């Protein structure tokens, strides 16, 4: 069975444990890259990462962009929304359909 994991600062991720997700409180970028690699090797299906942490490990995240697993989804942290998660969704949709259908062409 595939698993779902959440990575980020403790205040942002602790509630996900109640949903049955594996939570990994991590703020150090080196540790976060190791954990992401470990989750990918264990065939974790989805990894939610707080936007703040994702910004620190963007190259590691990009290395999984063409892989089937894990799907890496950015989420806002307790400190707020930076907009990076929505931009990632926007880029994915543009790549899939060849047009910006979420925000319209500006």
N, C-alpha and C. Protein backbone atom coordinates (compact mmCIF):
# COMPACT_ATOMS: atom_id res chain seq x y z
N UNK A 1 0.84 -1.17 0.00
CA UNK A 1 0.00 0.00 0.00
C UNK A 1 0.89 1.25 0.00
N UNK A 2 0.54 2.20 -0.83
CA UNK A 2 1.28 3.45 -0.89
C UNK A 2 1.00 4.31 0.34
N UNK A 3 1.97 5.12 0.69
CA UNK A 3 1.83 5.99 1.85
C UNK A 3 1.88 7.45 1.44
N UNK A 4 1.41 8.30 2.35
CA UNK A 4 1.46 9.74 2.17
C UNK A 4 2.26 10.32 3.32
N UNK A 5 3.19 11.20 2.99
CA UNK A 5 4.05 11.81 4.00
C UNK A 5 3.94 13.32 3.94
N UNK A 6 4.26 13.96 5.06
CA UNK A 6 4.27 15.41 5.14
C UNK A 6 5.57 15.83 5.81
N UNK A 7 6.26 16.79 5.18
CA UNK A 7 7.52 17.30 5.71
C UNK A 7 7.43 18.81 5.92
N UNK A 8 8.04 19.28 7.00
CA UNK A 8 8.08 20.71 7.27
C UNK A 8 8.25 20.96 8.75
N UNK A 9 8.12 22.19 9.15
CA UNK A 9 8.24 22.52 10.58
C UNK A 9 7.07 21.91 11.35
N UNK A 10 7.32 21.58 12.59
CA UNK A 10 6.34 20.85 13.41
C UNK A 10 5.00 21.57 13.50
N UNK A 11 5.02 22.88 13.70
CA UNK A 11 3.76 23.63 13.83
C UNK A 11 2.90 23.51 12.58
N UNK A 12 3.52 23.35 11.44
CA UNK A 12 2.78 23.28 10.17
C UNK A 12 2.24 21.89 9.85
N UNK A 13 2.88 20.84 10.39
CA UNK A 13 2.54 19.49 9.94
C UNK A 13 1.90 18.58 10.98
N UNK A 14 1.93 18.95 12.26
CA UNK A 14 1.50 18.00 13.30
C UNK A 14 0.07 17.52 13.10
N UNK A 15 -0.81 18.33 12.59
CA UNK A 15 -2.21 17.94 12.40
C UNK A 15 -2.42 16.85 11.36
N UNK A 16 -1.49 16.71 10.44
CA UNK A 16 -1.63 15.71 9.39
C UNK A 16 -1.54 14.28 9.93
N UNK A 17 -0.91 14.11 11.07
CA UNK A 17 -0.83 12.79 11.68
C UNK A 17 -2.21 12.24 12.00
N UNK A 18 -3.15 13.11 12.37
CA UNK A 18 -4.52 12.68 12.68
C UNK A 18 -5.23 12.13 11.45
N UNK A 19 -4.73 12.48 10.26
CA UNK A 19 -5.31 11.98 9.01
C UNK A 19 -4.67 10.67 8.56
N UNK A 20 -3.71 10.20 9.33
CA UNK A 20 -3.03 8.96 8.98
C UNK A 20 -1.79 9.15 8.13
N UNK A 21 -1.40 10.39 7.91
CA UNK A 21 -0.19 10.66 7.14
C UNK A 21 1.03 10.50 8.03
N UNK A 22 2.14 10.09 7.43
CA UNK A 22 3.40 10.06 8.16
C UNK A 22 3.93 11.48 8.21
N UNK A 23 4.30 11.96 9.40
CA UNK A 23 4.80 13.31 9.53
C UNK A 23 6.28 13.29 9.85
N UNK A 24 7.00 14.19 9.21
CA UNK A 24 8.44 14.30 9.40
C UNK A 24 8.79 15.75 9.67
N UNK A 25 8.87 16.11 10.96
CA UNK A 25 9.24 17.48 11.30
C UNK A 25 10.72 17.70 11.00
N UNK A 26 10.98 18.50 9.99
CA UNK A 26 12.35 18.77 9.58
C UNK A 26 12.44 20.20 9.07
N UNK A 27 13.50 20.90 9.45
CA UNK A 27 13.71 22.27 8.97
C UNK A 27 15.09 22.42 8.34
N UNK A 28 16.01 21.51 8.63
CA UNK A 28 17.35 21.57 8.07
C UNK A 28 17.32 21.08 6.62
N UNK A 29 17.81 21.85 5.66
CA UNK A 29 17.73 21.44 4.26
C UNK A 29 18.48 20.15 3.94
N UNK A 30 19.61 19.93 4.55
CA UNK A 30 20.37 18.69 4.29
C UNK A 30 19.58 17.48 4.78
N UNK A 31 19.04 17.60 5.97
CA UNK A 31 18.21 16.52 6.53
C UNK A 31 16.95 16.32 5.69
N UNK A 32 16.37 17.40 5.20
CA UNK A 32 15.16 17.32 4.39
C UNK A 32 15.43 16.61 3.07
N UNK A 33 16.56 16.90 2.44
CA UNK A 33 16.91 16.21 1.18
C UNK A 33 17.10 14.72 1.42
N UNK A 34 17.74 14.36 2.52
CA UNK A 34 17.92 12.93 2.85
C UNK A 34 16.57 12.26 3.08
N UNK A 35 15.69 12.93 3.80
CA UNK A 35 14.37 12.35 4.08
C UNK A 35 13.57 12.20 2.80
N UNK A 36 13.62 13.18 1.92
CA UNK A 36 12.91 13.09 0.64
C UNK A 36 13.43 11.92 -0.18
N UNK A 37 14.73 11.77 -0.23
CA UNK A 37 15.33 10.64 -0.96
C UNK A 37 14.89 9.30 -0.36
N UNK A 38 14.88 9.24 0.96
CA UNK A 38 14.45 8.03 1.66
C UNK A 38 12.99 7.71 1.36
N UNK A 39 12.13 8.72 1.38
CA UNK A 39 10.71 8.51 1.08
C UNK A 39 10.52 8.05 -0.36
N UNK A 40 11.27 8.63 -1.28
CA UNK A 40 11.18 8.21 -2.68
C UNK A 40 11.61 6.77 -2.86
N UNK A 41 12.68 6.37 -2.18
CA UNK A 41 13.16 4.99 -2.27
C UNK A 41 12.16 4.00 -1.69
N UNK A 42 11.39 4.44 -0.71
CA UNK A 42 10.37 3.58 -0.09
C UNK A 42 9.06 3.61 -0.85
N UNK A 43 9.06 4.23 -2.05
CA UNK A 43 7.88 4.30 -2.90
C UNK A 43 6.70 5.00 -2.23
N UNK A 44 6.98 6.06 -1.49
CA UNK A 44 5.92 6.89 -0.93
C UNK A 44 5.20 7.55 -2.11
N UNK A 45 3.89 7.49 -2.12
CA UNK A 45 3.12 7.99 -3.27
C UNK A 45 3.08 9.51 -3.33
N UNK A 46 2.81 10.15 -2.20
CA UNK A 46 2.66 11.59 -2.16
C UNK A 46 3.47 12.14 -0.99
N UNK A 47 4.21 13.21 -1.26
CA UNK A 47 4.93 13.91 -0.21
C UNK A 47 4.50 15.37 -0.24
N UNK A 48 3.83 15.79 0.81
CA UNK A 48 3.48 17.19 0.98
C UNK A 48 4.66 17.86 1.69
N UNK A 49 5.10 19.01 1.17
CA UNK A 49 6.22 19.73 1.76
C UNK A 49 5.80 21.18 1.93
N UNK A 50 6.08 21.74 3.10
CA UNK A 50 5.74 23.15 3.30
C UNK A 50 6.52 24.00 2.31
N UNK A 51 5.90 25.09 1.90
CA UNK A 51 6.52 25.98 0.91
C UNK A 51 7.87 26.50 1.38
N UNK A 52 7.99 26.82 2.66
CA UNK A 52 9.24 27.35 3.19
C UNK A 52 10.37 26.33 3.07
N UNK A 53 10.07 25.08 3.40
CA UNK A 53 11.09 24.03 3.30
C UNK A 53 11.40 23.73 1.84
N UNK A 54 10.38 23.70 1.02
CA UNK A 54 10.57 23.41 -0.41
C UNK A 54 11.49 24.43 -1.06
N UNK A 55 11.40 25.67 -0.63
CA UNK A 55 12.25 26.71 -1.20
C UNK A 55 13.73 26.41 -0.93
N UNK A 56 14.01 25.77 0.19
CA UNK A 56 15.38 25.45 0.58
C UNK A 56 15.93 24.22 -0.15
N UNK A 57 15.03 23.35 -0.65
CA UNK A 57 15.48 22.11 -1.29
C UNK A 57 14.91 21.99 -2.71
N UNK A 58 14.77 23.11 -3.37
CA UNK A 58 14.13 23.12 -4.69
C UNK A 58 14.84 22.25 -5.72
N UNK A 59 16.16 22.15 -5.68
CA UNK A 59 16.87 21.29 -6.64
C UNK A 59 16.56 19.82 -6.40
N UNK A 60 16.49 19.42 -5.14
CA UNK A 60 16.15 18.03 -4.82
C UNK A 60 14.73 17.71 -5.27
N UNK A 61 13.81 18.63 -5.08
CA UNK A 61 12.43 18.43 -5.51
C UNK A 61 12.36 18.33 -7.03
N UNK A 62 13.09 19.20 -7.71
CA UNK A 62 13.08 19.20 -9.19
C UNK A 62 13.59 17.89 -9.75
N UNK A 63 14.47 17.21 -9.03
CA UNK A 63 15.01 15.95 -9.54
C UNK A 63 13.95 14.85 -9.62
N UNK A 64 12.82 15.04 -8.95
CA UNK A 64 11.74 14.05 -9.00
C UNK A 64 10.61 14.46 -9.95
N UNK A 65 10.76 15.57 -10.64
CA UNK A 65 9.69 16.09 -11.50
C UNK A 65 9.29 15.11 -12.59
N UNK A 66 10.22 14.36 -13.13
CA UNK A 66 9.90 13.43 -14.21
C UNK A 66 9.70 12.00 -13.72
N UNK A 67 9.73 11.80 -12.42
CA UNK A 67 9.53 10.47 -11.84
C UNK A 67 8.05 10.25 -11.53
N UNK A 68 7.59 9.01 -11.65
CA UNK A 68 6.18 8.74 -11.33
C UNK A 68 5.87 8.88 -9.84
N UNK A 69 6.82 8.55 -9.00
CA UNK A 69 6.66 8.68 -7.55
C UNK A 69 7.93 9.27 -6.97
N UNK A 70 7.81 10.05 -5.95
CA UNK A 70 6.58 10.53 -5.32
C UNK A 70 6.03 11.77 -6.03
N UNK A 71 4.74 11.98 -5.88
CA UNK A 71 4.16 13.26 -6.28
C UNK A 71 4.47 14.21 -5.14
N UNK A 72 5.11 15.32 -5.45
CA UNK A 72 5.50 16.28 -4.43
C UNK A 72 4.61 17.50 -4.56
N UNK A 73 3.91 17.80 -3.47
CA UNK A 73 2.93 18.89 -3.47
C UNK A 73 3.30 19.88 -2.38
N UNK A 74 3.41 21.14 -2.77
CA UNK A 74 3.75 22.19 -1.81
C UNK A 74 2.50 22.67 -1.10
N UNK A 75 2.63 22.87 0.20
CA UNK A 75 1.52 23.35 1.02
C UNK A 75 1.97 24.56 1.83
N UNK A 76 1.04 25.46 2.16
CA UNK A 76 1.41 26.59 3.02
C UNK A 76 1.79 26.09 4.40
N UNK A 77 2.68 26.79 5.04
CA UNK A 77 3.05 26.45 6.41
C UNK A 77 2.28 27.30 7.40
N UNK A 78 2.60 27.10 8.68
CA UNK A 78 1.94 27.86 9.74
C UNK A 78 2.23 29.35 9.63
N UNK A 79 3.36 29.68 9.01
CA UNK A 79 3.74 31.09 8.88
C UNK A 79 3.02 31.79 7.73
N UNK A 80 2.28 31.04 6.93
CA UNK A 80 1.50 31.66 5.86
C UNK A 80 1.78 31.09 4.49
N UNK A 81 1.06 31.60 3.53
CA UNK A 81 1.14 31.14 2.15
C UNK A 81 2.08 32.05 1.36
N UNK A 82 3.06 31.45 0.69
CA UNK A 82 3.97 32.24 -0.13
C UNK A 82 3.53 32.28 -1.59
N UNK A 83 2.58 31.43 -1.95
CA UNK A 83 2.13 31.37 -3.33
C UNK A 83 2.88 30.37 -4.18
N UNK A 84 3.94 29.79 -3.65
CA UNK A 84 4.74 28.83 -4.42
C UNK A 84 3.94 27.58 -4.79
N UNK A 85 3.07 27.14 -3.89
CA UNK A 85 2.25 25.96 -4.18
C UNK A 85 1.33 26.18 -5.37
N UNK A 86 0.69 27.34 -5.42
CA UNK A 86 -0.19 27.64 -6.54
C UNK A 86 0.59 27.80 -7.84
N UNK A 87 1.78 28.37 -7.76
CA UNK A 87 2.61 28.49 -8.96
C UNK A 87 3.02 27.13 -9.49
N UNK A 88 3.30 26.19 -8.58
CA UNK A 88 3.66 24.83 -8.99
C UNK A 88 2.49 24.15 -9.69
N UNK A 89 1.29 24.34 -9.15
CA UNK A 89 0.09 23.77 -9.78
C UNK A 89 -0.11 24.41 -11.15
N UNK A 90 0.05 25.71 -11.23
CA UNK A 90 -0.10 26.44 -12.49
C UNK A 90 0.86 25.91 -13.55
N UNK A 91 2.13 25.72 -13.17
CA UNK A 91 3.12 25.20 -14.13
C UNK A 91 2.76 23.79 -14.58
N UNK A 92 2.28 22.98 -13.67
CA UNK A 92 1.91 21.60 -14.02
C UNK A 92 0.75 21.58 -15.01
N UNK A 93 -0.24 22.44 -14.77
CA UNK A 93 -1.39 22.50 -15.68
C UNK A 93 -0.96 23.02 -17.04
N UNK A 94 -0.13 24.04 -17.05
CA UNK A 94 0.37 24.57 -18.34
C UNK A 94 1.11 23.50 -19.12
N UNK A 95 1.92 22.72 -18.42
CA UNK A 95 2.66 21.65 -19.08
C UNK A 95 1.72 20.58 -19.62
N UNK A 96 0.69 20.26 -18.86
CA UNK A 96 -0.23 19.19 -19.25
C UNK A 96 -1.13 19.58 -20.41
N UNK A 97 -1.64 20.81 -20.39
CA UNK A 97 -2.61 21.19 -21.40
C UNK A 97 -2.09 22.23 -22.39
N UNK A 98 -0.92 22.78 -22.12
CA UNK A 98 -0.33 23.75 -23.05
C UNK A 98 -0.90 25.14 -22.94
N UNK A 99 -1.66 25.40 -21.88
CA UNK A 99 -2.25 26.73 -21.72
C UNK A 99 -2.50 26.98 -20.24
N UNK A 100 -2.56 28.23 -19.88
CA UNK A 100 -2.83 28.61 -18.50
C UNK A 100 -4.34 28.71 -18.30
N UNK A 101 -4.95 27.62 -17.84
CA UNK A 101 -6.40 27.61 -17.66
C UNK A 101 -6.81 28.00 -16.24
N UNK A 102 -5.84 28.11 -15.34
CA UNK A 102 -6.18 28.46 -13.96
C UNK A 102 -6.32 29.96 -13.79
N UNK A 103 -5.34 30.73 -14.29
CA UNK A 103 -5.34 32.16 -14.08
C UNK A 103 -5.66 32.95 -15.33
N UNK A 104 -5.76 32.29 -16.47
CA UNK A 104 -6.00 32.99 -17.72
C UNK A 104 -4.72 33.62 -18.23
N UNK A 105 -4.66 33.90 -19.49
CA UNK A 105 -3.48 34.51 -20.08
C UNK A 105 -3.46 35.99 -19.73
N UNK A 106 -2.33 36.42 -19.16
CA UNK A 106 -2.19 37.83 -18.81
C UNK A 106 -1.26 38.52 -19.74
